[in-house]
Amino acid sequence: MTYNFDPDLWYKNEFEFIKTEYKSGKITRQELKSALKELEKRYEEMSDRLDGTYQI
């Protein structure tokens, strides 16, 4: 089985979505800051889980 998940692409897509929500007025500046902080936290946690998980 091949696992082709790209965490950097996931981060980029999520970041763009949050930025689009802000630009369209759906979220406030404070919500933008909070969402980006949460995104960074999720990315770091995910990277930690993905790092070195495959062993033979």
C-alpha atoms as a PDB file:
ATOM      1  CA  MET A   1       0.000   0.000   0.000  1.00  0.00           C
ATOM      2  CA  THR A   2       1.287   3.444  -0.889  1.00  0.00           C
ATOM      3  CA  TYR A   3       0.583   6.429   1.311  1.00  0.00           C
ATOM      4  CA  ASN A   4       0.784   9.577  -0.817  1.00  0.00           C
ATOM      5  CA  PHE A   5      -0.305  12.198   1.678  1.00  0.00           C
ATOM      6  CA  ASP A   6       1.559  15.492   1.265  1.00  0.00           C
ATOM      7  CA  PRO A   7       1.397  17.517   4.494  1.00  0.00           C
ATOM      8  CA  ASP A   8       2.854  20.615   2.832  1.00  0.00           C
ATOM      9  CA  LEU A   9       0.185  20.586   0.143  1.00  0.00           C
ATOM     10  CA  TRP A  10      -2.478  20.030   2.802  1.00  0.00           C
ATOM     11  CA  TYR A  11      -1.157  23.049   4.728  1.00  0.00           C
ATOM     12  CA  LYS A  12      -1.117  25.207   1.581  1.00  0.00           C
ATOM     13  CA  ASN A  13      -4.702  24.254   0.708  1.00  0.00           C
ATOM     14  CA  GLU A  14      -5.954  24.912   4.235  1.00  0.00           C
ATOM     15  CA  PHE A  15      -4.104  28.234   4.390  1.00  0.00           C
ATOM     16  CA  GLU A  16      -5.620  29.360   1.084  1.00  0.00           C
ATOM     17  CA  PHE A  17      -9.101  28.365   2.238  1.00  0.00           C
ATOM     18  CA  ILE A  18      -8.747  30.390   5.460  1.00  0.00           C
ATOM     19  CA  LYS A  19      -7.378  33.363   3.531  1.00  0.00           C
ATOM     20  CA  THR A  20     -10.304  33.187   1.086  1.00  0.00           C
ATOM     21  CA  GLU A  21     -12.792  33.094   3.978  1.00  0.00           C
ATOM     22  CA  TYR A  22     -11.210  36.259   5.390  1.00  0.00           C
ATOM     23  CA  LYS A  23     -11.099  38.093   2.065  1.00  0.00           C
ATOM     24  CA  SER A  24     -14.756  37.285   1.410  1.00  0.00           C
ATOM     25  CA  GLY A  25     -15.742  38.686   4.803  1.00  0.00           C
ATOM     26  CA  LYS A  26     -16.926  35.386   6.244  1.00  0.00           C
ATOM     27  CA  ILE A  27     -14.449  35.623   9.125  1.00  0.00           C
ATOM     28  CA  THR A  28     -13.025  38.574  11.044  1.00  0.00           C
ATOM     29  CA  ARG A  29      -9.374  39.525  11.421  1.00  0.00           C
ATOM     30  CA  GLN A  30      -9.358  37.996  14.910  1.00  0.00           C
ATOM     31  CA  GLU A  31     -10.896  34.783  13.580  1.00  0.00           C
ATOM     32  CA  LEU A  32      -8.261  34.761  10.833  1.00  0.00           C
ATOM     33  CA  LYS A  33      -5.458  34.982  13.388  1.00  0.00           C
ATOM     34  CA  SER A  34      -7.035  32.254  15.494  1.00  0.00           C
ATOM     35  CA  ALA A  35      -7.600  29.982  12.502  1.00  0.00           C
ATOM     36  CA  LEU A  36      -4.005  30.399  11.314  1.00  0.00           C
ATOM     37  CA  LYS A  37      -2.689  29.668  14.792  1.00  0.00           C
ATOM     38  CA  GLU A  38      -4.833  26.515  14.963  1.00  0.00           C
ATOM     39  CA  LEU A  39      -3.711  25.496  11.468  1.00  0.00           C
ATOM     40  CA  GLU A  40      -0.067  25.810  12.476  1.00  0.00           C
ATOM     41  CA  LYS A  41      -0.715  23.715  15.587  1.00  0.00           C
ATOM     42  CA  ARG A  42      -2.502  21.006  13.575  1.00  0.00           C
ATOM     43  CA  TYR A  43       0.304  20.968  10.994  1.00  0.00           C
ATOM     44  CA  GLU A  44       2.983  20.563  13.645  1.00  0.00           C
ATOM     45  CA  GLU A  45       1.054  17.770  15.392  1.00  0.00           C
ATOM     46  CA  MET A  46       0.469  16.008  12.082  1.00  0.00           C
ATOM     47  CA  SER A  47       4.122  16.337  11.077  1.00  0.00           C
ATOM     48  CA  ASP A  48       5.198  14.860  14.396  1.00  0.00           C
ATOM     49  CA  ARG A  49       2.885  11.869  13.867  1.00  0.00           C
ATOM     50  CA  LEU A  50       4.032  11.319  10.284  1.00  0.00           C
ATOM     51  CA  ASP A  51       7.746  11.654  10.996  1.00  0.00           C
ATOM     52  CA  GLY A  52       9.463   8.274  11.237  1.00  0.00           C
ATOM     53  CA  THR A  53       6.324   6.160  11.424  1.00  0.00           C
ATOM     54  CA  TYR A  54       7.385   3.673   8.747  1.00  0.00           C
ATOM     55  CA  GLN A  55       9.721   0.905   9.878  1.00  0.00           C
ATOM     56  CA  ILE A  56      10.766  -2.375   8.297  1.00  0.00           C
END
